[in-house]
Amino acid sequence: MIGKLKGVVDGFVGEDRVELDVHGVVYDVWCSGKTLSALPRAGEAAVLLIETIVREDMIRLYGFFAQAEKSWFHTLTSVQGVGAKVALSILSVLTPSELSTAIALGDKAMIGRANGVGPKLALRIVTELKGKVPDTGAIDPGTLGLQQAIGEGIAPSAVADAVSALTNLGYSSAQASAALARVVSREGDGLPPEKLIRLGLRELSS
């Protein structure tokens, strides 16, 4: 089984594939838009982590620039209705940390930004993957824990009120919860909403 390919970029095929020349053997590798944008130009060296999917009628290689993306690809395809194409579509619009945040917050709208992901599938993804976020180091555990509490409606009321106030000011729930997680880790969760909001705004503007 192929775990990694080191070679030279031979060329790009459409919006979802790259040809990688490894000592004269050219591999056709399917990638997310974010991985493709991170690759160098044709003729330059590149390394891709590989996930191989074997079916009766095909063998296909999927390449990833980082382990976090590969871990999420494996996690996403464990959900019924999420094939490799849909998983790559999601990873093309969300980074691993953004995906972790979306799952923790139960934010199906974030997932639904990907092509091929309708409301029902987005809901299934955030529901089935709740608590199954891969440990990629892409998001601080404290931030993730607070976001999960917010998503499940069990965060302290002061924190929930502060998140609501910050989102009403135009920040996304992901931005607000991440900023407040940093405040709570530093100051504790016993602060009143007014101070949480003020400190959260300071975090967001820094």
N, C-alpha and C. Protein backbone atom coordinates (compact mmCIF):
# COMPACT_ATOMS: atom_id res chain seq x y z
N MET A 1 0.85 -1.19 0.00
CA MET A 1 0.00 0.00 0.00
C MET A 1 0.88 1.24 0.00
N ILE A 2 0.53 2.22 -0.80
CA ILE A 2 1.31 3.45 -0.90
C ILE A 2 0.92 4.39 0.24
N GLY A 3 1.91 4.84 1.00
CA GLY A 3 1.65 5.76 2.10
C GLY A 3 2.08 7.18 1.81
N LYS A 4 3.09 7.33 0.91
CA LYS A 4 3.62 8.65 0.59
C LYS A 4 4.29 8.59 -0.77
N LEU A 5 4.17 9.67 -1.51
CA LEU A 5 4.85 9.79 -2.80
C LEU A 5 5.74 11.02 -2.79
N LYS A 6 7.00 10.83 -3.17
CA LYS A 6 7.94 11.93 -3.32
C LYS A 6 8.35 11.98 -4.78
N GLY A 7 8.12 13.11 -5.42
CA GLY A 7 8.45 13.20 -6.83
C GLY A 7 8.45 14.63 -7.32
N VAL A 8 8.20 14.76 -8.61
CA VAL A 8 8.18 16.07 -9.26
C VAL A 8 6.80 16.28 -9.87
N VAL A 9 6.26 17.46 -9.67
CA VAL A 9 4.96 17.78 -10.25
C VAL A 9 5.09 17.77 -11.77
N ASP A 10 4.34 16.87 -12.42
CA ASP A 10 4.38 16.75 -13.87
C ASP A 10 3.37 17.67 -14.53
N GLY A 11 2.26 17.89 -13.83
CA GLY A 11 1.23 18.78 -14.36
C GLY A 11 -0.05 18.66 -13.55
N PHE A 12 -0.95 19.60 -13.77
CA PHE A 12 -2.23 19.60 -13.07
C PHE A 12 -3.34 19.24 -14.04
N VAL A 13 -4.29 18.43 -13.57
CA VAL A 13 -5.39 17.95 -14.41
C VAL A 13 -6.69 18.51 -13.86
N GLY A 14 -7.27 19.48 -14.54
CA GLY A 14 -8.51 20.07 -14.07
C GLY A 14 -8.32 20.73 -12.72
N GLU A 15 -9.38 20.66 -11.89
CA GLU A 15 -9.36 21.32 -10.60
C GLU A 15 -9.19 20.35 -9.44
N ASP A 16 -8.98 19.07 -9.74
CA ASP A 16 -8.96 18.11 -8.65
C ASP A 16 -7.85 17.06 -8.72
N ARG A 17 -6.93 17.19 -9.67
CA ARG A 17 -5.88 16.17 -9.79
C ARG A 17 -4.53 16.77 -10.11
N VAL A 18 -3.50 16.04 -9.70
CA VAL A 18 -2.13 16.40 -10.05
C VAL A 18 -1.42 15.13 -10.53
N GLU A 19 -0.55 15.30 -11.50
CA GLU A 19 0.27 14.19 -11.96
C GLU A 19 1.65 14.33 -11.32
N LEU A 20 2.06 13.29 -10.60
CA LEU A 20 3.33 13.32 -9.87
C LEU A 20 4.28 12.30 -10.47
N ASP A 21 5.40 12.77 -10.96
CA ASP A 21 6.41 11.91 -11.59
C ASP A 21 7.38 11.42 -10.52
N VAL A 22 7.34 10.12 -10.27
CA VAL A 22 8.23 9.50 -9.28
C VAL A 22 9.19 8.57 -10.03
N HIS A 23 10.39 9.08 -10.28
CA HIS A 23 11.42 8.31 -11.00
C HIS A 23 10.89 7.74 -12.32
N GLY A 24 10.20 8.57 -13.08
CA GLY A 24 9.73 8.16 -14.39
C GLY A 24 8.35 7.54 -14.42
N VAL A 25 7.80 7.19 -13.25
CA VAL A 25 6.44 6.67 -13.17
C VAL A 25 5.51 7.81 -12.76
N VAL A 26 4.54 8.12 -13.61
CA VAL A 26 3.65 9.25 -13.33
C VAL A 26 2.36 8.76 -12.69
N TYR A 27 2.12 9.23 -11.47
CA TYR A 27 0.92 8.86 -10.72
C TYR A 27 -0.13 9.95 -10.86
N ASP A 28 -1.36 9.54 -11.06
CA ASP A 28 -2.50 10.45 -11.11
C ASP A 28 -3.09 10.50 -9.70
N VAL A 29 -3.00 11.66 -9.04
CA VAL A 29 -3.41 11.78 -7.64
C VAL A 29 -4.53 12.81 -7.51
N TRP A 30 -5.61 12.40 -6.87
CA TRP A 30 -6.75 13.29 -6.63
C TRP A 30 -6.53 14.04 -5.32
N CYS A 31 -6.80 15.35 -5.34
CA CYS A 31 -6.52 16.19 -4.17
C CYS A 31 -7.63 17.21 -3.94
N SER A 32 -7.66 17.74 -2.74
CA SER A 32 -8.56 18.85 -2.45
C SER A 32 -8.00 20.12 -3.07
N GLY A 33 -8.84 21.12 -3.20
CA GLY A 33 -8.39 22.39 -3.75
C GLY A 33 -7.30 23.02 -2.91
N LYS A 34 -7.38 22.86 -1.58
CA LYS A 34 -6.38 23.46 -0.70
C LYS A 34 -5.02 22.78 -0.86
N THR A 35 -5.01 21.45 -1.05
CA THR A 35 -3.74 20.76 -1.27
C THR A 35 -3.14 21.17 -2.61
N LEU A 36 -3.98 21.22 -3.64
CA LEU A 36 -3.48 21.61 -4.96
C LEU A 36 -2.88 23.01 -4.94
N SER A 37 -3.52 23.93 -4.22
CA SER A 37 -3.01 25.30 -4.16
C SER A 37 -1.70 25.40 -3.38
N ALA A 38 -1.45 24.40 -2.52
CA ALA A 38 -0.21 24.41 -1.73
C ALA A 38 0.96 23.76 -2.47
N LEU A 39 0.67 23.06 -3.55
CA LEU A 39 1.73 22.39 -4.30
C LEU A 39 2.53 23.38 -5.14
N PRO A 40 3.79 23.05 -5.41
CA PRO A 40 4.61 23.93 -6.26
C PRO A 40 4.22 23.81 -7.73
N ARG A 41 4.88 24.58 -8.57
CA ARG A 41 4.59 24.55 -10.00
C ARG A 41 5.13 23.28 -10.64
N ALA A 42 4.71 23.02 -11.86
CA ALA A 42 5.19 21.87 -12.61
C ALA A 42 6.71 21.93 -12.73
N GLY A 43 7.35 20.78 -12.54
CA GLY A 43 8.80 20.69 -12.62
C GLY A 43 9.50 20.79 -11.28
N GLU A 44 8.74 21.11 -10.23
CA GLU A 44 9.33 21.24 -8.90
C GLU A 44 8.96 20.04 -8.03
N ALA A 45 9.80 19.78 -7.02
CA ALA A 45 9.62 18.62 -6.14
C ALA A 45 8.44 18.80 -5.20
N ALA A 46 7.77 17.70 -4.90
CA ALA A 46 6.62 17.73 -3.99
C ALA A 46 6.50 16.40 -3.27
N VAL A 47 5.87 16.45 -2.10
CA VAL A 47 5.60 15.25 -1.31
C VAL A 47 4.12 15.23 -0.96
N LEU A 48 3.47 14.09 -1.19
CA LEU A 48 2.07 13.95 -0.85
C LEU A 48 1.85 12.69 -0.01
N LEU A 49 1.09 12.84 1.07
CA LEU A 49 0.63 11.68 1.82
C LEU A 49 -0.50 11.04 1.03
N ILE A 50 -0.54 9.73 0.99
CA ILE A 50 -1.46 9.04 0.09
C ILE A 50 -2.44 8.14 0.83
N GLU A 51 -3.69 8.22 0.40
CA GLU A 51 -4.74 7.28 0.81
C GLU A 51 -5.17 6.54 -0.46
N THR A 52 -5.07 5.21 -0.44
CA THR A 52 -5.42 4.42 -1.61
C THR A 52 -6.78 3.77 -1.42
N ILE A 53 -7.65 3.97 -2.39
CA ILE A 53 -8.98 3.35 -2.36
C ILE A 53 -9.07 2.37 -3.52
N VAL A 54 -9.36 1.12 -3.18
CA VAL A 54 -9.43 0.06 -4.18
C VAL A 54 -10.86 -0.43 -4.31
N ARG A 55 -11.38 -0.45 -5.53
CA ARG A 55 -12.70 -0.98 -5.82
C ARG A 55 -12.58 -1.99 -6.95
N GLU A 56 -13.67 -2.65 -7.25
CA GLU A 56 -13.64 -3.68 -8.29
C GLU A 56 -13.21 -3.12 -9.64
N ASP A 57 -13.63 -1.88 -9.92
CA ASP A 57 -13.37 -1.32 -11.24
C ASP A 57 -12.30 -0.24 -11.27
N MET A 58 -11.63 0.02 -10.13
CA MET A 58 -10.62 1.07 -10.15
C MET A 58 -9.73 1.02 -8.92
N ILE A 59 -8.56 1.62 -9.06
CA ILE A 59 -7.67 1.92 -7.94
C ILE A 59 -7.36 3.40 -8.04
N ARG A 60 -7.67 4.14 -6.99
CA ARG A 60 -7.48 5.59 -7.06
C ARG A 60 -6.65 6.07 -5.87
N LEU A 61 -5.74 6.99 -6.15
CA LEU A 61 -4.88 7.58 -5.13
C LEU A 61 -5.38 8.97 -4.77
N TYR A 62 -5.44 9.23 -3.47
CA TYR A 62 -5.83 10.54 -2.98
C TYR A 62 -4.66 11.12 -2.20
N GLY A 63 -4.28 12.36 -2.53
CA GLY A 63 -3.09 12.94 -1.94
C GLY A 63 -3.40 14.11 -1.02
N PHE A 64 -2.56 14.25 0.02
CA PHE A 64 -2.77 15.29 1.02
C PHE A 64 -1.45 15.95 1.38
N PHE A 65 -1.50 17.26 1.50
CA PHE A 65 -0.29 18.02 1.84
C PHE A 65 0.08 17.85 3.31
N ALA A 66 -0.93 17.62 4.17
CA ALA A 66 -0.69 17.53 5.61
C ALA A 66 -1.45 16.34 6.20
N GLN A 67 -0.92 15.81 7.31
CA GLN A 67 -1.54 14.66 7.97
C GLN A 67 -2.93 15.00 8.49
N ALA A 68 -3.13 16.24 8.93
CA ALA A 68 -4.44 16.63 9.46
C ALA A 68 -5.52 16.48 8.39
N GLU A 69 -5.20 16.86 7.17
CA GLU A 69 -6.18 16.75 6.09
C GLU A 69 -6.46 15.28 5.77
N LYS A 70 -5.41 14.47 5.77
CA LYS A 70 -5.60 13.04 5.50
C LYS A 70 -6.47 12.39 6.59
N SER A 71 -6.23 12.76 7.84
CA SER A 71 -7.03 12.21 8.94
C SER A 71 -8.49 12.59 8.80
N TRP A 72 -8.75 13.83 8.39
CA TRP A 72 -10.12 14.27 8.21
C TRP A 72 -10.78 13.56 7.02
N PHE A 73 -10.02 13.31 5.96
CA PHE A 73 -10.56 12.58 4.81
C PHE A 73 -11.04 11.21 5.26
N HIS A 74 -10.24 10.52 6.05
CA HIS A 74 -10.60 9.19 6.54
C HIS A 74 -11.83 9.27 7.45
N THR A 75 -11.89 10.30 8.29
CA THR A 75 -13.02 10.47 9.20
C THR A 75 -14.30 10.80 8.44
N LEU A 76 -14.22 11.70 7.49
CA LEU A 76 -15.40 12.10 6.72
C LEU A 76 -15.99 10.94 5.93
N THR A 77 -15.12 10.14 5.32
CA THR A 77 -15.63 9.04 4.49
C THR A 77 -16.20 7.90 5.32
N SER A 78 -16.11 7.99 6.65
CA SER A 78 -16.76 6.99 7.50
C SER A 78 -18.25 7.28 7.67
N VAL A 79 -18.67 8.47 7.24
CA VAL A 79 -20.08 8.85 7.34
C VAL A 79 -20.83 8.35 6.12
N GLN A 80 -21.97 7.73 6.34
CA GLN A 80 -22.78 7.22 5.24
C GLN A 80 -23.16 8.36 4.29
N GLY A 81 -22.93 8.16 3.02
CA GLY A 81 -23.27 9.17 2.03
C GLY A 81 -22.13 10.10 1.69
N VAL A 82 -21.02 9.97 2.40
CA VAL A 82 -19.85 10.80 2.12
C VAL A 82 -18.78 9.94 1.46
N GLY A 83 -18.67 10.08 0.15
CA GLY A 83 -17.63 9.39 -0.58
C GLY A 83 -16.40 10.25 -0.68
N ALA A 84 -15.41 9.74 -1.40
CA ALA A 84 -14.14 10.47 -1.53
C ALA A 84 -14.34 11.84 -2.19
N LYS A 85 -15.21 11.90 -3.20
CA LYS A 85 -15.43 13.17 -3.91
C LYS A 85 -16.00 14.23 -2.99
N VAL A 86 -17.00 13.85 -2.19
CA VAL A 86 -17.62 14.80 -1.26
C VAL A 86 -16.62 15.21 -0.16
N ALA A 87 -15.85 14.24 0.34
CA ALA A 87 -14.86 14.55 1.37
C ALA A 87 -13.86 15.57 0.85
N LEU A 88 -13.38 15.39 -0.38
CA LEU A 88 -12.44 16.35 -0.96
C LEU A 88 -13.10 17.70 -1.17
N SER A 89 -14.38 17.70 -1.51
CA SER A 89 -15.10 18.96 -1.68
C SER A 89 -15.16 19.73 -0.37
N ILE A 90 -15.42 19.02 0.73
CA ILE A 90 -15.46 19.66 2.04
C ILE A 90 -14.08 20.20 2.41
N LEU A 91 -13.05 19.40 2.16
CA LEU A 91 -11.69 19.80 2.50
C LEU A 91 -11.16 20.89 1.58
N SER A 92 -11.88 21.14 0.48
CA SER A 92 -11.48 22.22 -0.42
C SER A 92 -11.95 23.58 0.10
N VAL A 93 -12.99 23.58 0.94
CA VAL A 93 -13.53 24.85 1.43
C VAL A 93 -13.25 25.09 2.91
N LEU A 94 -12.91 24.02 3.66
CA LEU A 94 -12.64 24.16 5.09
C LEU A 94 -11.28 23.58 5.45
N THR A 95 -10.51 24.31 6.24
CA THR A 95 -9.26 23.77 6.76
C THR A 95 -9.58 22.76 7.86
N PRO A 96 -8.63 21.92 8.25
CA PRO A 96 -8.88 20.99 9.35
C PRO A 96 -9.38 21.68 10.62
N SER A 97 -8.82 22.83 10.96
CA SER A 97 -9.27 23.52 12.18
C SER A 97 -10.68 24.05 12.02
N GLU A 98 -11.02 24.56 10.83
CA GLU A 98 -12.37 25.05 10.58
C GLU A 98 -13.37 23.90 10.62
N LEU A 99 -12.97 22.76 10.11
CA LEU A 99 -13.84 21.58 10.12
C LEU A 99 -14.07 21.11 11.55
N SER A 100 -13.01 21.09 12.36
CA SER A 100 -13.15 20.72 13.77
C SER A 100 -14.12 21.65 14.48
N THR A 101 -13.99 22.95 14.18
CA THR A 101 -14.88 23.94 14.79
C THR A 101 -16.33 23.72 14.36
N ALA A 102 -16.54 23.47 13.06
CA ALA A 102 -17.90 23.27 12.56
C ALA A 102 -18.56 22.07 13.22
N ILE A 103 -17.82 20.98 13.38
CA ILE A 103 -18.37 19.78 14.03
C ILE A 103 -18.68 20.07 15.50
N ALA A 104 -17.73 20.73 16.18
CA ALA A 104 -17.91 21.02 17.60
C ALA A 104 -19.13 21.91 17.85
N LEU A 105 -19.32 22.88 16.97
CA LEU A 105 -20.44 23.82 17.14
C LEU A 105 -21.75 23.28 16.55
N GLY A 106 -21.66 22.15 15.84
CA GLY A 106 -22.84 21.65 15.17
C GLY A 106 -23.29 22.58 14.06
N ASP A 107 -22.33 23.25 13.44
CA ASP A 107 -22.63 24.26 12.43
C ASP A 107 -22.75 23.62 11.05
N LYS A 108 -23.94 23.14 10.72
CA LYS A 108 -24.13 22.47 9.44
C LYS A 108 -24.04 23.43 8.26
N ALA A 109 -24.25 24.71 8.51
CA ALA A 109 -24.14 25.69 7.42
C ALA A 109 -22.70 25.78 6.91
N MET A 110 -21.74 25.67 7.82
CA MET A 110 -20.33 25.69 7.40
C MET A 110 -20.02 24.50 6.52
N ILE A 111 -20.51 23.32 6.92
CA ILE A 111 -20.28 22.11 6.14
C ILE A 111 -21.00 22.22 4.79
N GLY A 112 -22.18 22.83 4.80
CA GLY A 112 -22.98 22.93 3.61
C GLY A 112 -22.42 23.87 2.55
N ARG A 113 -21.33 24.55 2.86
CA ARG A 113 -20.70 25.42 1.85
C ARG A 113 -20.04 24.60 0.76
N ALA A 114 -19.75 23.33 1.03
CA ALA A 114 -19.06 22.49 0.05
C ALA A 114 -20.02 22.02 -1.04
N ASN A 115 -19.52 21.94 -2.25
CA ASN A 115 -20.32 21.43 -3.37
C ASN A 115 -20.71 19.98 -3.11
N GLY A 116 -21.95 19.65 -3.37
CA GLY A 116 -22.41 18.28 -3.21
C GLY A 116 -22.89 17.94 -1.81
N VAL A 117 -22.89 18.93 -0.92
CA VAL A 117 -23.35 18.70 0.46
C VAL A 117 -24.64 19.49 0.69
N GLY A 118 -25.75 18.77 0.72
CA GLY A 118 -27.03 19.40 0.99
C GLY A 118 -27.30 19.47 2.49
N PRO A 119 -28.40 20.11 2.88
CA PRO A 119 -28.73 20.27 4.31
C PRO A 119 -28.81 18.95 5.08
N LYS A 120 -29.42 17.92 4.48
CA LYS A 120 -29.56 16.64 5.18
C LYS A 120 -28.21 15.98 5.42
N LEU A 121 -27.35 16.02 4.41
CA LEU A 121 -26.03 15.40 4.55
C LEU A 121 -25.17 16.20 5.53
N ALA A 122 -25.27 17.52 5.48
CA ALA A 122 -24.52 18.36 6.42
C ALA A 122 -24.93 18.05 7.86
N LEU A 123 -26.24 17.88 8.08
CA LEU A 123 -26.73 17.55 9.42
C LEU A 123 -26.21 16.18 9.85
N ARG A 124 -26.21 15.21 8.94
CA ARG A 124 -25.72 13.88 9.26
C ARG A 124 -24.24 13.92 9.63
N ILE A 125 -23.47 14.72 8.92
CA ILE A 125 -22.03 14.82 9.19
C ILE A 125 -21.78 15.37 10.59
N VAL A 126 -22.42 16.50 10.93
CA VAL A 126 -22.15 17.10 12.24
C VAL A 126 -22.70 16.23 13.36
N THR A 127 -23.77 15.48 13.08
CA THR A 127 -24.36 14.61 14.11
C THR A 127 -23.51 13.37 14.34
N GLU A 128 -23.12 12.69 13.26
CA GLU A 128 -22.36 11.45 13.40
C GLU A 128 -20.93 11.67 13.87
N LEU A 129 -20.36 12.83 13.55
CA LEU A 129 -18.96 13.07 13.90
C LEU A 129 -18.80 13.84 15.22
N LYS A 130 -19.91 14.16 15.87
CA LYS A 130 -19.83 14.83 17.17
C LYS A 130 -19.03 13.96 18.14
N GLY A 131 -17.96 14.49 18.67
CA GLY A 131 -17.11 13.75 19.58
C GLY A 131 -16.11 12.83 18.90
N LYS A 132 -16.07 12.84 17.56
CA LYS A 132 -15.16 11.97 16.83
C LYS A 132 -14.12 12.76 16.04
N VAL A 133 -13.91 14.00 16.43
CA VAL A 133 -12.95 14.85 15.74
C VAL A 133 -11.55 14.25 15.87
N PRO A 134 -10.84 14.01 14.78
CA PRO A 134 -9.50 13.42 14.88
C PRO A 134 -8.54 14.36 15.59
N ASP A 135 -7.63 13.81 16.36
CA ASP A 135 -6.65 14.60 17.09
C ASP A 135 -5.51 14.96 16.15
N THR A 136 -5.67 16.09 15.46
CA THR A 136 -4.68 16.50 14.48
C THR A 136 -3.79 17.63 14.99
N GLY A 137 -4.11 18.16 16.16
CA GLY A 137 -3.35 19.29 16.67
C GLY A 137 -3.71 20.59 15.98
N ALA A 138 -4.76 20.54 15.13
CA ALA A 138 -5.14 21.72 14.37
C ALA A 138 -5.92 22.72 15.19
N ILE A 139 -6.41 22.30 16.36
CA ILE A 139 -7.20 23.19 17.19
C ILE A 139 -6.90 22.89 18.66
N ASP A 140 -6.81 23.94 19.46
CA ASP A 140 -6.49 23.78 20.87
C ASP A 140 -7.61 22.99 21.58
N PRO A 141 -7.23 21.99 22.41
CA PRO A 141 -8.25 21.18 23.10
C PRO A 141 -9.21 22.02 23.94
N GLY A 142 -8.70 23.08 24.58
CA GLY A 142 -9.57 23.93 25.38
C GLY A 142 -10.60 24.65 24.53
N THR A 143 -10.15 25.12 23.38
CA THR A 143 -11.07 25.78 22.46
C THR A 143 -12.11 24.79 21.96
N LEU A 144 -11.66 23.60 21.59
CA LEU A 144 -12.57 22.58 21.08
C LEU A 144 -13.59 22.19 22.14
N GLY A 145 -13.14 22.05 23.40
CA GLY A 145 -14.04 21.68 24.49
C GLY A 145 -15.13 22.71 24.70
N LEU A 146 -14.75 23.99 24.67
CA LEU A 146 -15.73 25.06 24.86
C LEU A 146 -16.70 25.10 23.68
N GLN A 147 -16.17 24.92 22.47
CA GLN A 147 -17.04 24.93 21.29
C GLN A 147 -18.03 23.77 21.33
N GLN A 148 -17.58 22.63 21.79
CA GLN A 148 -18.49 21.49 21.92
C GLN A 148 -19.59 21.79 22.94
N ALA A 149 -19.20 22.42 24.05
CA ALA A 149 -20.19 22.78 25.07
C ALA A 149 -21.20 23.77 24.52
N ILE A 150 -20.72 24.73 23.72
CA ILE A 150 -21.63 25.70 23.10
C ILE A 150 -22.57 25.00 22.12
N GLY A 151 -22.00 24.11 21.30
CA GLY A 151 -22.79 23.39 20.31
C GLY A 151 -23.85 22.51 20.95
N GLU A 152 -23.55 21.98 22.14
CA GLU A 152 -24.49 21.09 22.82
C GLU A 152 -25.41 21.85 23.78
N GLY A 153 -25.23 23.17 23.86
CA GLY A 153 -26.08 23.98 24.71
C GLY A 153 -25.82 23.82 26.20
N ILE A 154 -24.60 23.40 26.56
CA ILE A 154 -24.29 23.19 27.98
C ILE A 154 -23.18 24.11 28.48
N ALA A 155 -22.82 25.11 27.67
CA ALA A 155 -21.80 26.06 28.11
C ALA A 155 -22.39 26.95 29.21
N PRO A 156 -21.54 27.49 30.09
CA PRO A 156 -22.04 28.43 31.10
C PRO A 156 -22.85 29.54 30.44
N SER A 157 -23.91 29.96 31.09
CA SER A 157 -24.81 30.94 30.48
C SER A 157 -24.09 32.23 30.11
N ALA A 158 -23.14 32.66 30.94
CA ALA A 158 -22.40 33.89 30.66
C ALA A 158 -21.61 33.76 29.37
N VAL A 159 -21.01 32.59 29.15
CA VAL A 159 -20.24 32.35 27.93
C VAL A 159 -21.17 32.31 26.73
N ALA A 160 -22.28 31.60 26.87
CA ALA A 160 -23.26 31.52 25.78
C ALA A 160 -23.78 32.91 25.42
N ASP A 161 -24.04 33.74 26.43
CA ASP A 161 -24.52 35.10 26.18
C ASP A 161 -23.46 35.93 25.47
N ALA A 162 -22.20 35.73 25.86
CA ALA A 162 -21.11 36.48 25.24
C ALA A 162 -20.93 36.07 23.78
N VAL A 163 -21.03 34.77 23.52
CA VAL A 163 -20.94 34.28 22.13
C VAL A 163 -22.05 34.90 21.30
N SER A 164 -23.26 34.90 21.83
CA SER A 164 -24.40 35.48 21.12
C SER A 164 -24.18 36.95 20.82
N ALA A 165 -23.66 37.68 21.82
CA ALA A 165 -23.42 39.12 21.63
C ALA A 165 -22.36 39.36 20.55
N LEU A 166 -21.30 38.56 20.55
CA LEU A 166 -20.24 38.75 19.56
C LEU A 166 -20.71 38.39 18.16
N THR A 167 -21.54 37.37 18.05
CA THR A 167 -22.06 37.02 16.73
C THR A 167 -23.03 38.09 16.22
N ASN A 168 -23.75 38.73 17.14
CA ASN A 168 -24.64 39.83 16.75
C ASN A 168 -23.85 41.04 16.26
N LEU A 169 -22.58 41.10 16.66
CA LEU A 169 -21.71 42.19 16.20
C LEU A 169 -21.06 41.88 14.86
N GLY A 170 -21.36 40.70 14.33
CA GLY A 170 -20.85 40.38 13.00
C GLY A 170 -19.78 39.31 12.93
N TYR A 171 -19.32 38.84 14.09
CA TYR A 171 -18.32 37.77 14.10
C TYR A 171 -19.01 36.42 13.92
N SER A 172 -18.29 35.46 13.34
CA SER A 172 -18.86 34.13 13.20
C SER A 172 -18.83 33.43 14.55
N SER A 173 -19.65 32.40 14.70
CA SER A 173 -19.67 31.65 15.97
C SER A 173 -18.32 30.99 16.21
N ALA A 174 -17.64 30.61 15.13
CA ALA A 174 -16.31 30.00 15.27
C ALA A 174 -15.31 31.00 15.82
N GLN A 175 -15.32 32.22 15.27
CA GLN A 175 -14.42 33.27 15.75
C GLN A 175 -14.72 33.64 17.21
N ALA A 176 -16.00 33.80 17.50
CA ALA A 176 -16.40 34.20 18.85
C ALA A 176 -16.04 33.15 19.88
N SER A 177 -16.34 31.89 19.60
CA SER A 177 -16.06 30.83 20.57
C SER A 177 -14.56 30.63 20.76
N ALA A 178 -13.78 30.77 19.69
CA ALA A 178 -12.33 30.61 19.81
C ALA A 178 -11.75 31.73 20.68
N ALA A 179 -12.21 32.96 20.46
CA ALA A 179 -11.72 34.10 21.24
C ALA A 179 -12.09 33.95 22.72
N LEU A 180 -13.33 33.55 22.97
CA LEU A 180 -13.77 33.39 24.35
C LEU A 180 -13.10 32.21 25.03
N ALA A 181 -12.75 31.18 24.26
CA ALA A 181 -12.02 30.05 24.85
C ALA A 181 -10.67 30.52 25.37
N ARG A 182 -10.02 31.40 24.63
CA ARG A 182 -8.73 31.94 25.09
C ARG A 182 -8.92 32.78 26.35
N VAL A 183 -10.01 33.54 26.38
CA VAL A 183 -10.29 34.36 27.57
C VAL A 183 -10.56 33.47 28.78
N VAL A 184 -11.40 32.46 28.62
CA VAL A 184 -11.76 31.57 29.72
C VAL A 184 -10.55 30.81 30.23
N SER A 185 -9.68 30.36 29.32
CA SER A 185 -8.49 29.62 29.76
C SER A 185 -7.55 30.49 30.58
N ARG A 186 -7.59 31.78 30.32
CA ARG A 186 -6.71 32.71 31.02
C ARG A 186 -7.35 33.29 32.28
N GLU A 187 -8.66 33.58 32.22
CA GLU A 187 -9.34 34.29 33.30
C GLU A 187 -10.30 33.42 34.11
N GLY A 188 -10.62 32.21 33.60
CA GLY A 188 -11.62 31.38 34.26
C GLY A 188 -13.00 31.66 33.70
N ASP A 189 -13.98 30.80 34.05
CA ASP A 189 -15.32 30.95 33.46
C ASP A 189 -16.32 31.62 34.40
N GLY A 190 -15.80 32.29 35.43
CA GLY A 190 -16.71 32.96 36.37
C GLY A 190 -16.94 34.42 36.08
N LEU A 191 -16.48 34.90 34.92
CA LEU A 191 -16.64 36.31 34.59
C LEU A 191 -18.06 36.60 34.12
N PRO A 192 -18.55 37.81 34.37
CA PRO A 192 -19.89 38.19 33.88
C PRO A 192 -19.84 38.39 32.36
N PRO A 193 -21.00 38.30 31.72
CA PRO A 193 -21.03 38.43 30.25
C PRO A 193 -20.38 39.72 29.74
N GLU A 194 -20.59 40.82 30.45
CA GLU A 194 -20.08 42.11 29.99
C GLU A 194 -18.55 42.08 29.87
N LYS A 195 -17.90 41.48 30.87
CA LYS A 195 -16.43 41.43 30.83
C LYS A 195 -15.96 40.43 29.80
N LEU A 196 -16.68 39.30 29.68
CA LEU A 196 -16.33 38.32 28.65
C LEU A 196 -16.40 38.94 27.25
N ILE A 197 -17.44 39.72 27.02
CA ILE A 197 -17.60 40.38 25.72
C ILE A 197 -16.45 41.35 25.47
N ARG A 198 -16.11 42.14 26.48
CA ARG A 198 -15.05 43.14 26.33
C ARG A 198 -13.70 42.46 26.06
N LEU A 199 -13.41 41.41 26.83
CA LEU A 199 -12.15 40.71 26.63
C LEU A 199 -12.15 39.93 25.32
N GLY A 200 -13.33 39.40 24.94
CA GLY A 200 -13.44 38.71 23.67
C GLY A 200 -13.17 39.63 22.50
N LEU A 201 -13.70 40.85 22.57
CA LEU A 201 -13.46 41.84 21.52
C LEU A 201 -11.98 42.20 21.44
N ARG A 202 -11.34 42.25 22.59
CA ARG A 202 -9.90 42.54 22.61
C ARG A 202 -9.12 41.42 21.92
N GLU A 203 -9.54 40.17 22.17
CA GLU A 203 -8.90 39.03 21.52
C GLU A 203 -9.10 39.07 20.01
N LEU A 204 -10.31 39.41 19.60
CA LEU A 204 -10.64 39.42 18.18
C LEU A 204 -9.95 40.54 17.44
N SER A 205 -9.61 41.60 18.12
CA SER A 205 -8.96 42.74 17.46
C SER A 205 -7.46 42.68 17.52
N SER A 206 -6.92 41.71 18.28
CA SER A 206 -5.46 41.63 18.42
C SER A 206 -4.82 40.87 17.27
